[in-house]
Amino acid sequence: MQSPDPYPPPTEGPRPSRPRLHSFPQVGSFGLSGERLSGLAGLVLMLSALMGWYAGSGEGIRIAVIGWHTGTPGKLVFFLGLALLVIVLLREAGIELPASVPESLVVIAIGSLATIFVLIQLISIPDRFLPATGRGAGIWVALVAAVAVVVAGLAQASEEL
């Protein structure tokens, strides 16, 4: 048997909301939405190309080679991070990509390309940087940022569903 009233009538008026001191987004377990994470990861990815990717010492000197000077892959990592920042800034300005091109797919593609370029540079150190026989902190930062871009794209895709 079904009751005649599907919902009980409200007994009080609307409750006044309490002022909040801080409002943090609580999407996901890290407290960041996919859009914010993509902007942050894009900025770190872009800046990681300006960090030391290779380090080593020669005869009494210590050298470091930044990602920009490693050749085309280092420059591409910089410009992929810059492209991601441009996408985020355009979205904040109210300009969005066409509906046929989901933004999450573009973010995942940028992150995948950046991950491939960083992994190529991580696996083999070019011979022209011979005194630099070790990997610097910048290449690890670039790898983490590139994977974070992919994760941000996946988070955006899950938010779109």
C-alpha atoms as a PDB file:
ATOM      1  CA  MET A   1       0.000   0.000   0.000  1.00  0.00           C
ATOM      2  CA  GLN A   2       1.308   3.412  -0.909  1.00  0.00           C
ATOM      3  CA  SER A   3       0.918   6.506   1.221  1.00  0.00           C
ATOM      4  CA  PRO A   4      -0.980   9.398  -0.380  1.00  0.00           C
ATOM      5  CA  ASP A   5       1.828  11.922   0.205  1.00  0.00           C
ATOM      6  CA  PRO A   6       5.165  10.869  -1.271  1.00  0.00           C
ATOM      7  CA  TYR A   7       7.113  13.368   0.810  1.00  0.00           C
ATOM      8  CA  PRO A   8       6.319  14.778   4.225  1.00  0.00           C
ATOM      9  CA  PRO A   9       5.753  18.541   4.270  1.00  0.00           C
ATOM     10  CA  PRO A  10       8.625  20.620   5.569  1.00  0.00           C
ATOM     11  CA  THR A  11       8.242  21.443   9.242  1.00  0.00           C
ATOM     12  CA  GLU A  12      10.572  24.432   9.300  1.00  0.00           C
ATOM     13  CA  GLY A  13      11.746  27.071   6.913  1.00  0.00           C
ATOM     14  CA  PRO A  14      15.128  26.810   5.218  1.00  0.00           C
ATOM     15  CA  ARG A  15      17.982  26.517   7.649  1.00  0.00           C
ATOM     16  CA  PRO A  16      20.420  29.412   7.606  1.00  0.00           C
ATOM     17  CA  SER A  17      23.802  28.430   6.320  1.00  0.00           C
ATOM     18  CA  ARG A  18      26.810  28.868   8.543  1.00  0.00           C
ATOM     19  CA  PRO A  19      29.631  31.006   7.219  1.00  0.00           C
ATOM     20  CA  ARG A  20      32.591  28.919   6.086  1.00  0.00           C
ATOM     21  CA  LEU A  21      36.102  30.085   6.742  1.00  0.00           C
ATOM     22  CA  HIS A  22      37.672  28.065   3.936  1.00  0.00           C
ATOM     23  CA  SER A  23      36.113  26.336   0.992  1.00  0.00           C
ATOM     24  CA  PHE A  24      38.288  23.640  -0.501  1.00  0.00           C
ATOM     25  CA  PRO A  25      37.176  21.431  -3.350  1.00  0.00           C
ATOM     26  CA  GLN A  26      36.658  17.902  -2.111  1.00  0.00           C
ATOM     27  CA  VAL A  27      36.596  15.979  -5.381  1.00  0.00           C
ATOM     28  CA  GLY A  28      38.562  12.772  -5.171  1.00  0.00           C
ATOM     29  CA  SER A  29      40.754  11.690  -2.311  1.00  0.00           C
ATOM     30  CA  PHE A  30      43.401  14.391  -2.816  1.00  0.00           C
ATOM     31  CA  GLY A  31      41.063  17.373  -2.630  1.00  0.00           C
ATOM     32  CA  LEU A  32      41.887  18.510  -6.179  1.00  0.00           C
ATOM     33  CA  SER A  33      39.609  18.427  -9.166  1.00  0.00           C
ATOM     34  CA  GLY A  34      40.944  17.168 -12.472  1.00  0.00           C
ATOM     35  CA  GLU A  35      40.905  20.691 -13.868  1.00  0.00           C
ATOM     36  CA  ARG A  36      43.012  22.118 -11.052  1.00  0.00           C
ATOM     37  CA  LEU A  37      45.370  19.158 -11.124  1.00  0.00           C
ATOM     38  CA  SER A  38      45.885  19.559 -14.873  1.00  0.00           C
ATOM     39  CA  GLY A  39      46.821  23.225 -14.432  1.00  0.00           C
ATOM     40  CA  LEU A  40      49.225  22.489 -11.591  1.00  0.00           C
ATOM     41  CA  ALA A  41      50.796  19.506 -13.356  1.00  0.00           C
ATOM     42  CA  GLY A  42      51.124  21.509 -16.588  1.00  0.00           C
ATOM     43  CA  LEU A  43      52.961  24.280 -14.761  1.00  0.00           C
ATOM     44  CA  VAL A  44      55.337  21.812 -13.081  1.00  0.00           C
ATOM     45  CA  LEU A  45      55.876  20.011 -16.399  1.00  0.00           C
ATOM     46  CA  MET A  46      56.757  23.265 -18.124  1.00  0.00           C
ATOM     47  CA  LEU A  47      59.135  24.340 -15.353  1.00  0.00           C
ATOM     48  CA  SER A  48      60.766  20.902 -15.160  1.00  0.00           C
ATOM     49  CA  ALA A  49      62.267  21.500 -18.609  1.00  0.00           C
ATOM     50  CA  LEU A  50      64.260  24.293 -16.996  1.00  0.00           C
ATOM     51  CA  MET A  51      65.668  22.025 -14.262  1.00  0.00           C
ATOM     52  CA  GLY A  52      68.758  19.830 -14.343  1.00  0.00           C
ATOM     53  CA  TRP A  53      68.047  16.575 -16.164  1.00  0.00           C
ATOM     54  CA  TYR A  54      71.608  15.244 -16.251  1.00  0.00           C
ATOM     55  CA  ALA A  55      74.405  15.759 -13.762  1.00  0.00           C
ATOM     56  CA  GLY A  56      77.991  14.615 -13.465  1.00  0.00           C
ATOM     57  CA  SER A  57      81.517  15.659 -12.773  1.00  0.00           C
ATOM     58  CA  GLY A  58      84.568  15.916 -14.944  1.00  0.00           C
ATOM     59  CA  GLU A  59      88.093  16.924 -14.034  1.00  0.00           C
ATOM     60  CA  GLY A  60      87.390  19.035 -10.976  1.00  0.00           C
ATOM     61  CA  ILE A  61      84.146  20.471 -12.270  1.00  0.00           C
ATOM     62  CA  ARG A  62      80.549  19.540 -11.683  1.00  0.00           C
ATOM     63  CA  ILE A  63      78.061  20.054 -14.512  1.00  0.00           C
ATOM     64  CA  ALA A  64      74.314  19.887 -14.937  1.00  0.00           C
ATOM     65  CA  VAL A  65      72.389  19.898 -18.189  1.00  0.00           C
ATOM     66  CA  ILE A  66      68.890  21.362 -18.080  1.00  0.00           C
ATOM     67  CA  GLY A  67      66.059  19.771 -20.024  1.00  0.00           C
ATOM     68  CA  TRP A  68      65.897  22.641 -22.515  1.00  0.00           C
ATOM     69  CA  HIS A  69      69.475  21.906 -23.609  1.00  0.00           C
ATOM     70  CA  THR A  70      68.900  18.181 -24.137  1.00  0.00           C
ATOM     71  CA  GLY A  71      67.529  18.766 -27.604  1.00  0.00           C
ATOM     72  CA  THR A  72      64.115  18.423 -29.147  1.00  0.00           C
ATOM     73  CA  PRO A  73      62.510  16.201 -26.459  1.00  0.00           C
ATOM     74  CA  GLY A  74      63.318  18.718 -23.724  1.00  0.00           C
ATOM     75  CA  LYS A  75      61.872  21.579 -25.728  1.00  0.00           C
ATOM     76  CA  LEU A  76      58.777  19.529 -26.573  1.00  0.00           C
ATOM     77  CA  VAL A  77      58.205  18.814 -22.873  1.00  0.00           C
ATOM     78  CA  PHE A  78      58.335  22.561 -22.208  1.00  0.00           C
ATOM     79  CA  PHE A  79      55.875  23.368 -24.988  1.00  0.00           C
ATOM     80  CA  LEU A  80      53.504  20.534 -24.022  1.00  0.00           C
ATOM     81  CA  GLY A  81      53.342  21.975 -20.503  1.00  0.00           C
ATOM     82  CA  LEU A  82      52.792  25.432 -21.987  1.00  0.00           C
ATOM     83  CA  ALA A  83      49.989  24.114 -24.233  1.00  0.00           C
ATOM     84  CA  LEU A  84      48.300  22.585 -21.210  1.00  0.00           C
ATOM     85  CA  LEU A  85      48.524  25.881 -19.340  1.00  0.00           C
ATOM     86  CA  VAL A  86      47.015  27.698 -22.325  1.00  0.00           C
ATOM     87  CA  ILE A  87      44.093  25.238 -22.375  1.00  0.00           C
ATOM     88  CA  VAL A  88      43.502  25.765 -18.651  1.00  0.00           C
ATOM     89  CA  LEU A  89      43.720  29.562 -18.943  1.00  0.00           C
ATOM     90  CA  LEU A  90      41.344  29.606 -21.920  1.00  0.00           C
ATOM     91  CA  ARG A  91      38.857  27.490 -19.976  1.00  0.00           C
ATOM     92  CA  GLU A  92      39.079  29.903 -17.034  1.00  0.00           C
ATOM     93  CA  ALA A  93      38.439  32.779 -19.457  1.00  0.00           C
ATOM     94  CA  GLY A  94      35.269  31.053 -20.677  1.00  0.00           C
ATOM     95  CA  ILE A  95      36.619  29.731 -23.986  1.00  0.00           C
ATOM     96  CA  GLU A  96      36.185  25.985 -24.286  1.00  0.00           C
ATOM     97  CA  LEU A  97      37.259  23.410 -26.835  1.00  0.00           C
ATOM     98  CA  PRO A  98      34.658  22.228 -29.357  1.00  0.00           C
ATOM     99  CA  ALA A  99      32.232  19.621 -28.045  1.00  0.00           C
ATOM    100  CA  SER A 100      33.604  17.046 -30.492  1.00  0.00           C
ATOM    101  CA  VAL A 101      37.024  17.255 -28.792  1.00  0.00           C
ATOM    102  CA  PRO A 102      36.711  16.497 -25.075  1.00  0.00           C
ATOM    103  CA  GLU A 103      39.205  18.400 -22.971  1.00  0.00           C
ATOM    104  CA  SER A 104      40.008  15.310 -20.920  1.00  0.00           C
ATOM    105  CA  LEU A 105      41.127  13.499 -24.077  1.00  0.00           C
ATOM    106  CA  VAL A 106      43.435  16.388 -25.022  1.00  0.00           C
ATOM    107  CA  VAL A 107      44.929  16.423 -21.503  1.00  0.00           C
ATOM    108  CA  ILE A 108      45.512  12.656 -21.595  1.00  0.00           C
ATOM    109  CA  ALA A 109      47.175  12.940 -25.031  1.00  0.00           C
ATOM    110  CA  ILE A 110      49.459  15.760 -23.855  1.00  0.00           C
ATOM    111  CA  GLY A 111      50.412  13.794 -20.740  1.00  0.00           C
ATOM    112  CA  SER A 112      51.080  10.634 -22.732  1.00  0.00           C
ATOM    113  CA  LEU A 113      53.337  12.449 -25.198  1.00  0.00           C
ATOM    114  CA  ALA A 114      55.227  14.176 -22.392  1.00  0.00           C
ATOM    115  CA  THR A 115      55.663  10.849 -20.572  1.00  0.00           C
ATOM    116  CA  ILE A 116      57.084   9.231 -23.716  1.00  0.00           C
ATOM    117  CA  PHE A 117      59.549  12.088 -24.306  1.00  0.00           C
ATOM    118  CA  VAL A 118      60.719  12.065 -20.685  1.00  0.00           C
ATOM    119  CA  LEU A 119      61.091   8.278 -20.646  1.00  0.00           C
ATOM    120  CA  ILE A 120      63.214   8.400 -23.813  1.00  0.00           C
ATOM    121  CA  GLN A 121      65.541  10.913 -22.159  1.00  0.00           C
ATOM    122  CA  LEU A 122      65.508   8.955 -18.897  1.00  0.00           C
ATOM    123  CA  ILE A 123      66.463   5.630 -20.449  1.00  0.00           C
ATOM    124  CA  SER A 124      69.398   6.782 -22.540  1.00  0.00           C
ATOM    125  CA  ILE A 125      71.713   9.680 -21.801  1.00  0.00           C
ATOM    126  CA  PRO A 126      72.970  11.145 -25.103  1.00  0.00           C
ATOM    127  CA  ASP A 127      76.717  10.773 -25.706  1.00  0.00           C
ATOM    128  CA  ARG A 128      77.225  14.502 -26.161  1.00  0.00           C
ATOM    129  CA  PHE A 129      76.686  14.950 -22.393  1.00  0.00           C
ATOM    130  CA  LEU A 130      79.433  12.480 -21.443  1.00  0.00           C
ATOM    131  CA  PRO A 131      80.713  14.056 -18.252  1.00  0.00           C
ATOM    132  CA  ALA A 132      77.072  14.084 -17.126  1.00  0.00           C
ATOM    133  CA  THR A 133      76.640  10.398 -16.450  1.00  0.00           C
ATOM    134  CA  GLY A 134      73.868  10.617 -13.856  1.00  0.00           C
ATOM    135  CA  ARG A 135      70.308  11.768 -13.885  1.00  0.00           C
ATOM    136  CA  GLY A 136      69.402  14.985 -12.140  1.00  0.00           C
ATOM    137  CA  ALA A 137      66.335  15.757 -10.057  1.00  0.00           C
ATOM    138  CA  GLY A 138      64.658  17.665 -12.890  1.00  0.00           C
ATOM    139  CA  ILE A 139      64.087  14.603 -15.049  1.00  0.00           C
ATOM    140  CA  TRP A 140      62.363  12.828 -12.163  1.00  0.00           C
ATOM    141  CA  VAL A 141      60.212  15.907 -11.554  1.00  0.00           C
ATOM    142  CA  ALA A 142      59.343  15.912 -15.268  1.00  0.00           C
ATOM    143  CA  LEU A 143      58.362  12.239 -15.145  1.00  0.00           C
ATOM    144  CA  VAL A 144      56.124  12.722 -12.101  1.00  0.00           C
ATOM    145  CA  ALA A 145      54.530  15.818 -13.668  1.00  0.00           C
ATOM    146  CA  ALA A 146      53.896  14.027 -16.979  1.00  0.00           C
ATOM    147  CA  VAL A 147      52.216  11.111 -15.209  1.00  0.00           C
ATOM    148  CA  ALA A 148      50.225  13.615 -13.103  1.00  0.00           C
ATOM    149  CA  VAL A 149      48.929  15.184 -16.337  1.00  0.00           C
ATOM    150  CA  VAL A 150      47.643  11.778 -17.444  1.00  0.00           C
ATOM    151  CA  VAL A 151      46.016  11.254 -14.034  1.00  0.00           C
ATOM    152  CA  ALA A 152      44.439  14.730 -14.269  1.00  0.00           C
ATOM    153  CA  GLY A 153      42.993  13.866 -17.669  1.00  0.00           C
ATOM    154  CA  LEU A 154      41.557  10.630 -16.310  1.00  0.00           C
ATOM    155  CA  ALA A 155      40.072  12.538 -13.351  1.00  0.00           C
ATOM    156  CA  GLN A 156      38.495  15.023 -15.752  1.00  0.00           C
ATOM    157  CA  ALA A 157      37.046  12.176 -17.782  1.00  0.00           C
ATOM    158  CA  SER A 158      35.530  10.614 -14.670  1.00  0.00           C
ATOM    159  CA  GLU A 159      34.046  13.972 -13.659  1.00  0.00           C
ATOM    160  CA  GLU A 160      32.458  14.334 -17.104  1.00  0.00           C
ATOM    161  CA  LEU A 161      30.606  11.038 -16.709  1.00  0.00           C
END
